[in-house]
PDB file of all heavy atoms in Angstrom:
ATOM      1  N   VAL A   1      96.020  91.688  73.865  1.00  0.00           N
ATOM      2  CA  VAL A   1      97.187  90.994  74.392  1.00  0.00           C
ATOM      3  C   VAL A   1      98.361  91.195  73.458  1.00  0.00           C
ATOM      4  O   VAL A   1      98.235  91.041  72.247  1.00  0.00           O
ATOM      5  CB  VAL A   1      96.904  89.476  74.527  1.00  0.00           C
ATOM      6  CG1 VAL A   1      98.156  88.751  74.974  1.00  0.00           C
ATOM      7  CG2 VAL A   1      95.784  89.238  75.525  1.00  0.00           C
ATOM      8  N   GLY A   2      99.481  91.571  74.036  1.00  0.00           N
ATOM      9  CA  GLY A   2     100.675  91.729  73.222  1.00  0.00           C
ATOM     10  C   GLY A   2     101.468  90.438  73.190  1.00  0.00           C
ATOM     11  O   GLY A   2     100.918  89.349  73.263  1.00  0.00           O
ATOM     12  N   THR A   3     102.766  90.565  73.124  1.00  0.00           N
ATOM     13  CA  THR A   3     103.609  89.375  73.043  1.00  0.00           C
ATOM     14  C   THR A   3     103.883  88.801  74.417  1.00  0.00           C
ATOM     15  O   THR A   3     104.370  87.687  74.540  1.00  0.00           O
ATOM     16  CB  THR A   3     104.957  89.727  72.388  1.00  0.00           C
ATOM     17  OG1 THR A   3     105.623  90.695  73.214  1.00  0.00           O
ATOM     18  CG2 THR A   3     104.756  90.301  70.998  1.00  0.00           C
ATOM     19  N   GLY A   4     103.590  89.549  75.464  1.00  0.00           N
ATOM     20  CA  GLY A   4     103.929  89.092  76.813  1.00  0.00           C
ATOM     21  C   GLY A   4     105.341  89.461  77.186  1.00  0.00           C
ATOM     22  O   GLY A   4     105.854  89.037  78.214  1.00  0.00           O
ATOM     23  N   ASP A   5     105.999  90.290  76.361  1.00  0.00           N
ATOM     24  CA  ASP A   5     107.353  90.723  76.646  1.00  0.00           C
ATOM     25  C   ASP A   5     107.348  91.610  77.889  1.00  0.00           C
ATOM     26  O   ASP A   5     106.377  92.281  78.189  1.00  0.00           O
ATOM     27  CB  ASP A   5     107.915  91.503  75.457  1.00  0.00           C
ATOM     28  CG  ASP A   5     109.372  91.869  75.655  1.00  0.00           C
ATOM     29  OD1 ASP A   5     110.227  90.999  75.452  1.00  0.00           O
ATOM     30  OD2 ASP A   5     109.635  93.031  76.021  1.00  0.00           O
ATOM     31  N   ARG A   6     108.474  91.639  78.611  1.00  0.00           N
ATOM     32  CA  ARG A   6     108.542  92.403  79.852  1.00  0.00           C
ATOM     33  C   ARG A   6     108.325  93.901  79.630  1.00  0.00           C
ATOM     34  O   ARG A   6     107.924  94.621  80.538  1.00  0.00           O
ATOM     35  CB  ARG A   6     109.907  92.188  80.521  1.00  0.00           C
ATOM     36  CG  ARG A   6     110.108  90.790  81.091  1.00  0.00           C
ATOM     37  CD  ARG A   6     111.470  90.657  81.724  1.00  0.00           C
ATOM     38  NE  ARG A   6     111.669  89.354  82.342  1.00  0.00           N
ATOM     39  CZ  ARG A   6     112.091  88.284  81.706  1.00  0.00           C
ATOM     40  NH1 ARG A   6     112.318  88.339  80.405  1.00  0.00           N
ATOM     41  NH2 ARG A   6     112.267  87.134  82.352  1.00  0.00           N
ATOM     42  N   SER A   7     108.621  94.417  78.452  1.00  0.00           N
ATOM     43  CA  SER A   7     108.511  95.851  78.200  1.00  0.00           C
ATOM     44  C   SER A   7     107.073  96.284  77.963  1.00  0.00           C
ATOM     45  O   SER A   7     106.763  97.470  78.046  1.00  0.00           O
ATOM     46  CB  SER A   7     109.368  96.240  76.987  1.00  0.00           C
ATOM     47  OG  SER A   7     108.884  95.578  75.825  1.00  0.00           O
ATOM     48  N   GLU A   8     106.190  95.332  77.644  1.00  0.00           N
ATOM     49  CA  GLU A   8     104.793  95.662  77.403  1.00  0.00           C
ATOM     50  C   GLU A   8     103.998  95.492  78.688  1.00  0.00           C
ATOM     51  O   GLU A   8     104.069  94.470  79.341  1.00  0.00           O
ATOM     52  CB  GLU A   8     104.205  94.732  76.328  1.00  0.00           C
ATOM     53  CG  GLU A   8     104.819  94.899  74.963  1.00  0.00           C
ATOM     54  CD  GLU A   8     104.145  93.985  73.947  1.00  0.00           C
ATOM     55  OE1 GLU A   8     103.355  93.117  74.356  1.00  0.00           O
ATOM     56  OE2 GLU A   8     104.406  94.151  72.757  1.00  0.00           O
ATOM     57  N   LYS A   9     103.233  96.505  79.041  1.00  0.00           N
ATOM     58  CA  LYS A   9     102.502  96.389  80.297  1.00  0.00           C
ATOM     59  C   LYS A   9     101.346  97.372  80.341  1.00  0.00           C
ATOM     60  O   LYS A   9     101.401  98.459  79.765  1.00  0.00           O
ATOM     61  CB  LYS A   9     103.434  96.655  81.477  1.00  0.00           C
ATOM     62  CG  LYS A   9     104.078  98.050  81.445  1.00  0.00           C
ATOM     63  CD  LYS A   9     105.107  98.222  82.518  1.00  0.00           C
ATOM     64  CE  LYS A   9     105.712  99.625  82.520  1.00  0.00           C
ATOM     65  NZ  LYS A   9     106.417  99.957  81.274  1.00  0.00           N
ATOM     66  N   ILE A  10     100.261  96.963  81.014  1.00  0.00           N
ATOM     67  CA  ILE A  10      99.204  97.907  81.333  1.00  0.00           C
ATOM     68  C   ILE A  10      99.203  98.168  82.839  1.00  0.00           C
ATOM     69  O   ILE A  10      98.750  99.198  83.297  1.00  0.00           O
ATOM     70  CB  ILE A  10      97.811  97.405  80.889  1.00  0.00           C
ATOM     71  CG1 ILE A  10      97.432  96.103  81.627  1.00  0.00           C
ATOM     72  CG2 ILE A  10      97.739  97.237  79.387  1.00  0.00           C
ATOM     73  CD1 ILE A  10      95.962  95.756  81.505  1.00  0.00           C
ATOM     74  N   ARG A  11      99.743  97.215  83.614  1.00  0.00           N
ATOM     75  CA  ARG A  11      99.745  97.350  85.065  1.00  0.00           C
ATOM     76  C   ARG A  11     100.951  96.627  85.656  1.00  0.00           C
ATOM     77  O   ARG A  11     101.325  95.558  85.183  1.00  0.00           O
ATOM     78  CB  ARG A  11      98.451  96.781  85.647  1.00  0.00           C
ATOM     79  CG  ARG A  11      98.227  97.102  87.124  1.00  0.00           C
ATOM     80  CD  ARG A  11      96.898  96.566  87.606  1.00  0.00           C
ATOM     81  NE  ARG A  11      95.799  97.165  86.860  1.00  0.00           N
ATOM     82  CZ  ARG A  11      94.631  96.568  86.634  1.00  0.00           C
ATOM     83  NH1 ARG A  11      94.414  95.344  87.099  1.00  0.00           N
ATOM     84  NH2 ARG A  11      93.688  97.176  85.963  1.00  0.00           N
ATOM     85  N   THR A  12     101.522  97.227  86.684  1.00  0.00           N
ATOM     86  CA  THR A  12     102.673  96.619  87.357  1.00  0.00           C
ATOM     87  C   THR A  12     102.353  96.387  88.826  1.00  0.00           C
ATOM     88  O   THR A  12     101.832  97.277  89.507  1.00  0.00           O
ATOM     89  CB  THR A  12     103.920  97.533  87.255  1.00  0.00           C
ATOM     90  OG1 THR A  12     104.305  97.656  85.883  1.00  0.00           O
ATOM     91  CG2 THR A  12     105.088  96.945  88.047  1.00  0.00           C
ATOM     92  N   TYR A  13     102.657  95.182  89.302  1.00  0.00           N
ATOM     93  CA  TYR A  13     102.469  94.797  90.694  1.00  0.00           C
ATOM     94  C   TYR A  13     103.865  94.707  91.312  1.00  0.00           C
ATOM     95  O   TYR A  13     104.588  93.730  91.087  1.00  0.00           O
ATOM     96  CB  TYR A  13     101.749  93.456  90.787  1.00  0.00           C
ATOM     97  CG  TYR A  13     100.424  93.411  90.037  1.00  0.00           C
ATOM     98  CD1 TYR A  13     100.380  93.378  88.640  1.00  0.00           C
ATOM     99  CD2 TYR A  13      99.213  93.401  90.728  1.00  0.00           C
ATOM    100  CE1 TYR A  13      99.166  93.342  87.956  1.00  0.00           C
ATOM    101  CE2 TYR A  13      97.995  93.351  90.053  1.00  0.00           C
ATOM    102  CZ  TYR A  13      97.987  93.330  88.659  1.00  0.00           C
ATOM    103  OH  TYR A  13      96.786  93.288  87.984  1.00  0.00           O
ATOM    104  N   ASN A  14     104.246  95.750  92.050  1.00  0.00           N
ATOM    105  CA  ASN A  14     105.600  95.846  92.588  1.00  0.00           C
ATOM    106  C   ASN A  14     105.594  95.482  94.075  1.00  0.00           C
ATOM    107  O   ASN A  14     105.121  96.248  94.914  1.00  0.00           O
ATOM    108  CB  ASN A  14     106.125  97.278  92.379  1.00  0.00           C
ATOM    109  CG  ASN A  14     107.576  97.421  92.777  1.00  0.00           C
ATOM    110  OD1 ASN A  14     107.947  97.165  93.914  1.00  0.00           O
ATOM    111  ND2 ASN A  14     108.409  97.849  91.834  1.00  0.00           N
ATOM    112  N   PHE A  15     106.111  94.287  94.380  1.00  0.00           N
ATOM    113  CA  PHE A  15     106.105  93.804  95.764  1.00  0.00           C
ATOM    114  C   PHE A  15     107.088  94.551  96.667  1.00  0.00           C
ATOM    115  O   PHE A  15     106.737  94.893  97.801  1.00  0.00           O
ATOM    116  CB  PHE A  15     106.382  92.300  95.800  1.00  0.00           C
ATOM    117  CG  PHE A  15     105.160  91.456  95.579  1.00  0.00           C
ATOM    118  CD1 PHE A  15     104.656  91.255  94.298  1.00  0.00           C
ATOM    119  CD2 PHE A  15     104.493  90.863  96.645  1.00  0.00           C
ATOM    120  CE1 PHE A  15     103.514  90.478  94.083  1.00  0.00           C
ATOM    121  CE2 PHE A  15     103.358  90.088  96.448  1.00  0.00           C
ATOM    122  CZ  PHE A  15     102.866  89.897  95.170  1.00  0.00           C
ATOM    123  N   PRO A  16     108.329  94.824  96.226  1.00  0.00           N
ATOM    124  CA  PRO A  16     109.269  95.517  97.119  1.00  0.00           C
ATOM    125  C   PRO A  16     108.747  96.870  97.600  1.00  0.00           C
ATOM    126  O   PRO A  16     108.953  97.250  98.754  1.00  0.00           O
ATOM    127  CB  PRO A  16     110.527  95.675  96.252  1.00  0.00           C
ATOM    128  CG  PRO A  16     110.445  94.548  95.278  1.00  0.00           C
ATOM    129  CD  PRO A  16     108.989  94.402  94.975  1.00  0.00           C
ATOM    130  N   ASP A  17     108.085  97.621  96.700  1.00  0.00           N
ATOM    131  CA  ASP A  17     107.546  98.933  97.073  1.00  0.00           C
ATOM    132  C   ASP A  17     106.090  98.851  97.529  1.00  0.00           C
ATOM    133  O   ASP A  17     105.488  99.874  97.862  1.00  0.00           O
ATOM    134  CB  ASP A  17     107.641  99.907  95.888  1.00  0.00           C
ATOM    135  CG  ASP A  17     109.089 100.217  95.524  1.00  0.00           C
ATOM    136  OD1 ASP A  17     109.955 100.055  96.400  1.00  0.00           O
ATOM    137  OD2 ASP A  17     109.346 100.607  94.367  1.00  0.00           O
ATOM    138  N   ASP A  18     105.526  97.636  97.501  1.00  0.00           N
ATOM    139  CA  ASP A  18     104.139  97.399  97.914  1.00  0.00           C
ATOM    140  C   ASP A  18     103.164  98.349  97.215  1.00  0.00           C
ATOM    141  O   ASP A  18     102.339  99.012  97.850  1.00  0.00           O
ATOM    142  CB  ASP A  18     103.997  97.525  99.433  1.00  0.00           C
ATOM    143  CG  ASP A  18     102.693  96.908  99.940  1.00  0.00           C
ATOM    144  OD1 ASP A  18     102.201  95.974  99.274  1.00  0.00           O
ATOM    145  OD2 ASP A  18     102.162  97.367 100.970  1.00  0.00           O
ATOM    146  N   ARG A  19     103.253  98.395  95.902  1.00  0.00           N
ATOM    147  CA  ARG A  19     102.352  99.269  95.141  1.00  0.00           C
ATOM    148  C   ARG A  19     101.943  98.609  93.824  1.00  0.00           C
ATOM    149  O   ARG A  19     102.675  97.795  93.264  1.00  0.00           O
ATOM    150  CB  ARG A  19     103.001 100.620  94.852  1.00  0.00           C
ATOM    151  CG  ARG A  19     104.322 100.533  94.092  1.00  0.00           C
ATOM    152  CD  ARG A  19     104.886 101.897  93.758  1.00  0.00           C
ATOM    153  NE  ARG A  19     106.263 101.827  93.285  1.00  0.00           N
ATOM    154  CZ  ARG A  19     106.613 101.499  92.045  1.00  0.00           C
ATOM    155  NH1 ARG A  19     105.677 101.196  91.154  1.00  0.00           N
ATOM    156  NH2 ARG A  19     107.887 101.453  91.682  1.00  0.00           N
ATOM    157  N   VAL A  20     100.762  99.005  93.357  1.00  0.00           N
ATOM    158  CA  VAL A  20     100.254  98.557  92.060  1.00  0.00           C
ATOM    159  C   VAL A  20      99.999  99.805  91.225  1.00  0.00           C
ATOM    160  O   VAL A  20      99.303 100.725  91.671  1.00  0.00           O
ATOM    161  CB  VAL A  20      98.951  97.743  92.214  1.00  0.00           C
ATOM    162  CG1 VAL A  20      98.391  97.372  90.840  1.00  0.00           C
ATOM    163  CG2 VAL A  20      99.196  96.490  93.054  1.00  0.00           C
ATOM    164  N   THR A  21     100.547  99.833  90.023  1.00  0.00           N
ATOM    165  CA  THR A  21     100.410 101.002  89.157  1.00  0.00           C
ATOM    166  C   THR A  21      99.734 100.615  87.851  1.00  0.00           C
ATOM    167  O   THR A  21     100.189  99.697  87.162  1.00  0.00           O
ATOM    168  CB  THR A  21     101.786 101.626  88.842  1.00  0.00           C
ATOM    169  OG1 THR A  21     102.414 102.019  90.058  1.00  0.00           O
ATOM    170  CG2 THR A  21     101.635 102.843  87.941  1.00  0.00           C
ATOM    171  N   ASP A  22      98.635 101.296  87.528  1.00  0.00           N
ATOM    172  CA  ASP A  22      98.014 101.125  86.217  1.00  0.00           C
ATOM    173  C   ASP A  22      98.552 102.236  85.322  1.00  0.00           C
ATOM    174  O   ASP A  22      98.300 103.420  85.554  1.00  0.00           O
ATOM    175  CB  ASP A  22      96.482 101.212  86.309  1.00  0.00           C
ATOM    176  CG  ASP A  22      95.828 100.701  85.035  1.00  0.00           C
ATOM    177  OD1 ASP A  22      95.927 101.407  84.001  1.00  0.00           O
ATOM    178  OD2 ASP A  22      95.239  99.600  85.048  1.00  0.00           O
ATOM    179  N   HIS A  23      99.312 101.851  84.313  1.00  0.00           N
ATOM    180  CA  HIS A  23     100.051 102.815  83.501  1.00  0.00           C
ATOM    181  C   HIS A  23      99.158 103.591  82.534  1.00  0.00           C
ATOM    182  O   HIS A  23      99.542 104.659  82.070  1.00  0.00           O
ATOM    183  CB  HIS A  23     101.168 102.093  82.744  1.00  0.00           C
ATOM    184  CG  HIS A  23     102.075 101.327  83.645  1.00  0.00           C
ATOM    185  ND1 HIS A  23     103.031 101.930  84.442  1.00  0.00           N
ATOM    186  CD2 HIS A  23     102.150  99.992  83.921  1.00  0.00           C
ATOM    187  CE1 HIS A  23     103.668 101.005  85.150  1.00  0.00           C
ATOM    188  NE2 HIS A  23     103.151  99.825  84.848  1.00  0.00           N
ATOM    189  N   ARG A  24      97.964 103.096  82.244  1.00  0.00           N
ATOM    190  CA  ARG A  24      97.072 103.795  81.310  1.00  0.00           C
ATOM    191  C   ARG A  24      96.488 105.056  81.924  1.00  0.00           C
ATOM    192  O   ARG A  24      96.305 106.061  81.238  1.00  0.00           O
ATOM    193  CB  ARG A  24      95.945 102.862  80.862  1.00  0.00           C
ATOM    194  CG  ARG A  24      96.420 101.670  80.060  1.00  0.00           C
ATOM    195  CD  ARG A  24      95.369 100.573  80.022  1.00  0.00           C
ATOM    196  NE  ARG A  24      95.118 100.015  81.359  1.00  0.00           N
ATOM    197  CZ  ARG A  24      94.223  99.062  81.597  1.00  0.00           C
ATOM    198  NH1 ARG A  24      93.501  98.574  80.609  1.00  0.00           N
ATOM    199  NH2 ARG A  24      94.068  98.590  82.825  1.00  0.00           N
TER     200      ARG A  24
END
């Protein structure tokens, strides 16, 4: 777990584009 800052991510759940991306 990082700081929870918006720039840190392993996965993004994007509702407008209806997609989930695992960045790893």
